[in-house]
Amino acid sequence: MQSLDNSECRVVLKKGRSKSVKNYHPWIFSGAIERVEGAVNPGDIVSVYSADNVFLAKGFFNPKSQIRVRLLAFVEKKITPDFFRQRIAQAISLRKTFVTG
């Protein structure tokens, strides 16, 4: 299956700024980023690493927002169209439990 990740880019956080990601906060603000390695375009899916080079998450990159990365996954796996299909199906199923009781 086709990966949607930009495997040429990595976002590296500043030392001490990975705690919120480890606590599953879905946003990374521009001030938490030490550097962006490799070529990246707005909307690319990038991997996020701690200052000591530990994988943390994957998310959408937006160079024009204070919320620089909006996280999608906290596991190191390829983001494919099936990833989004599964997430949408899970969301629909969860909502059905609230609507039908």
Protein backbone atom coordinates (compact mmCIF):
# COMPACT_ATOMS: atom_id res chain seq x y z
CA MET A 1 0.00 0.00 0.00
CA GLN A 2 1.22 3.48 -0.86
CA SER A 3 2.72 5.39 2.05
CA LEU A 4 1.70 9.04 2.41
CA ASP A 5 4.68 9.85 4.66
CA ASN A 6 7.43 12.24 3.67
CA SER A 7 10.29 9.90 4.54
CA GLU A 8 12.86 12.58 3.64
CA CYS A 9 11.82 14.87 6.50
CA ARG A 10 12.16 14.68 10.27
CA VAL A 11 11.03 17.17 12.88
CA VAL A 12 13.31 17.22 15.92
CA LEU A 13 12.06 18.73 19.16
CA LYS A 14 14.06 20.85 21.57
CA LYS A 15 15.46 19.17 24.66
CA GLY A 16 12.74 18.78 27.31
CA ARG A 17 9.86 19.42 24.88
CA SER A 18 8.75 15.84 24.21
CA LYS A 19 6.67 15.40 27.40
CA SER A 20 3.40 16.61 25.86
CA VAL A 21 3.82 14.28 22.89
CA LYS A 22 4.51 11.35 25.23
CA ASN A 23 1.26 12.29 26.98
CA TYR A 24 -0.56 12.07 23.62
CA HIS A 25 -1.19 15.78 23.15
CA PRO A 26 -2.19 16.15 19.47
CA TRP A 27 -0.29 19.37 18.68
CA ILE A 28 3.32 20.46 18.46
CA PHE A 29 3.82 24.21 18.62
CA SER A 30 6.51 26.00 16.63
CA GLY A 31 8.43 26.93 19.79
CA ALA A 32 8.99 23.27 20.67
CA ILE A 33 10.84 22.51 17.43
CA GLU A 34 14.63 22.56 17.37
CA ARG A 35 14.96 21.87 13.65
CA VAL A 36 13.35 20.38 10.57
CA GLU A 37 15.64 18.04 8.65
CA GLY A 38 15.09 17.48 4.94
CA ALA A 39 12.72 18.95 2.40
CA VAL A 40 9.13 19.41 3.54
CA ASN A 41 6.01 20.88 1.98
CA PRO A 42 2.91 22.19 3.75
CA GLY A 43 0.61 19.26 4.53
CA ASP A 44 3.32 16.60 4.40
CA ILE A 45 3.13 13.81 6.96
CA VAL A 46 6.37 13.91 8.93
CA SER A 47 8.00 11.89 11.69
CA VAL A 48 8.69 13.64 14.98
CA TYR A 49 11.72 12.81 17.14
CA SER A 50 12.89 13.84 20.57
CA ALA A 51 16.16 15.74 21.05
CA ASP A 52 17.85 12.40 21.83
CA ASN A 53 16.65 10.87 18.53
CA VAL A 54 13.74 8.76 19.83
CA PHE A 55 10.69 8.44 17.56
CA LEU A 56 7.60 10.08 19.11
CA ALA A 57 4.84 10.48 16.53
CA LYS A 58 3.72 11.26 12.98
CA GLY A 59 1.64 14.19 11.88
CA PHE A 60 0.75 16.86 9.33
CA PHE A 61 3.30 19.68 8.99
CA ASN A 62 2.20 23.31 8.55
CA PRO A 63 5.03 25.87 8.33
CA LYS A 64 2.62 28.82 8.51
CA SER A 65 0.83 27.92 11.74
CA GLN A 66 1.87 28.22 15.38
CA ILE A 67 0.61 24.63 15.60
CA ARG A 68 3.42 23.35 13.42
CA VAL A 69 2.55 19.62 13.55
CA ARG A 70 -0.91 18.11 14.10
CA LEU A 71 -0.32 14.56 15.24
CA LEU A 72 -1.99 11.52 13.70
CA ALA A 73 -0.25 8.53 15.26
CA PHE A 74 2.02 7.81 18.18
CA VAL A 75 3.44 4.60 16.70
CA GLU A 76 6.09 4.21 14.05
CA LYS A 77 4.15 2.86 11.11
CA LYS A 78 3.45 4.02 7.60
CA ILE A 79 0.49 6.31 7.11
CA THR A 80 -1.52 4.95 4.18
CA PRO A 81 -5.01 5.56 2.79
CA ASP A 82 -6.11 2.50 4.84
CA PHE A 83 -4.96 4.29 8.01
CA PHE A 84 -7.51 7.03 7.33
CA ARG A 85 -10.24 4.56 6.31
CA GLN A 86 -9.80 2.67 9.59
CA ARG A 87 -9.82 5.87 11.66
CA ILE A 88 -13.00 7.10 9.95
CA ALA A 89 -14.68 3.72 10.45
CA GLN A 90 -13.73 3.79 14.16
CA ALA A 91 -15.13 7.30 14.53
CA ILE A 92 -18.41 6.32 12.88
CA SER A 93 -18.71 3.22 15.05
CA LEU A 94 -18.04 5.22 18.22
CA ARG A 95 -20.64 7.81 17.30
CA LYS A 96 -23.22 5.11 16.58
CA THR A 97 -22.90 3.87 20.16
CA PHE A 98 -23.88 7.31 21.42
CA VAL A 99 -26.74 7.80 18.95
CA THR A 100 -28.35 4.37 19.39
CA GLY A 101 -27.51 4.08 23.05
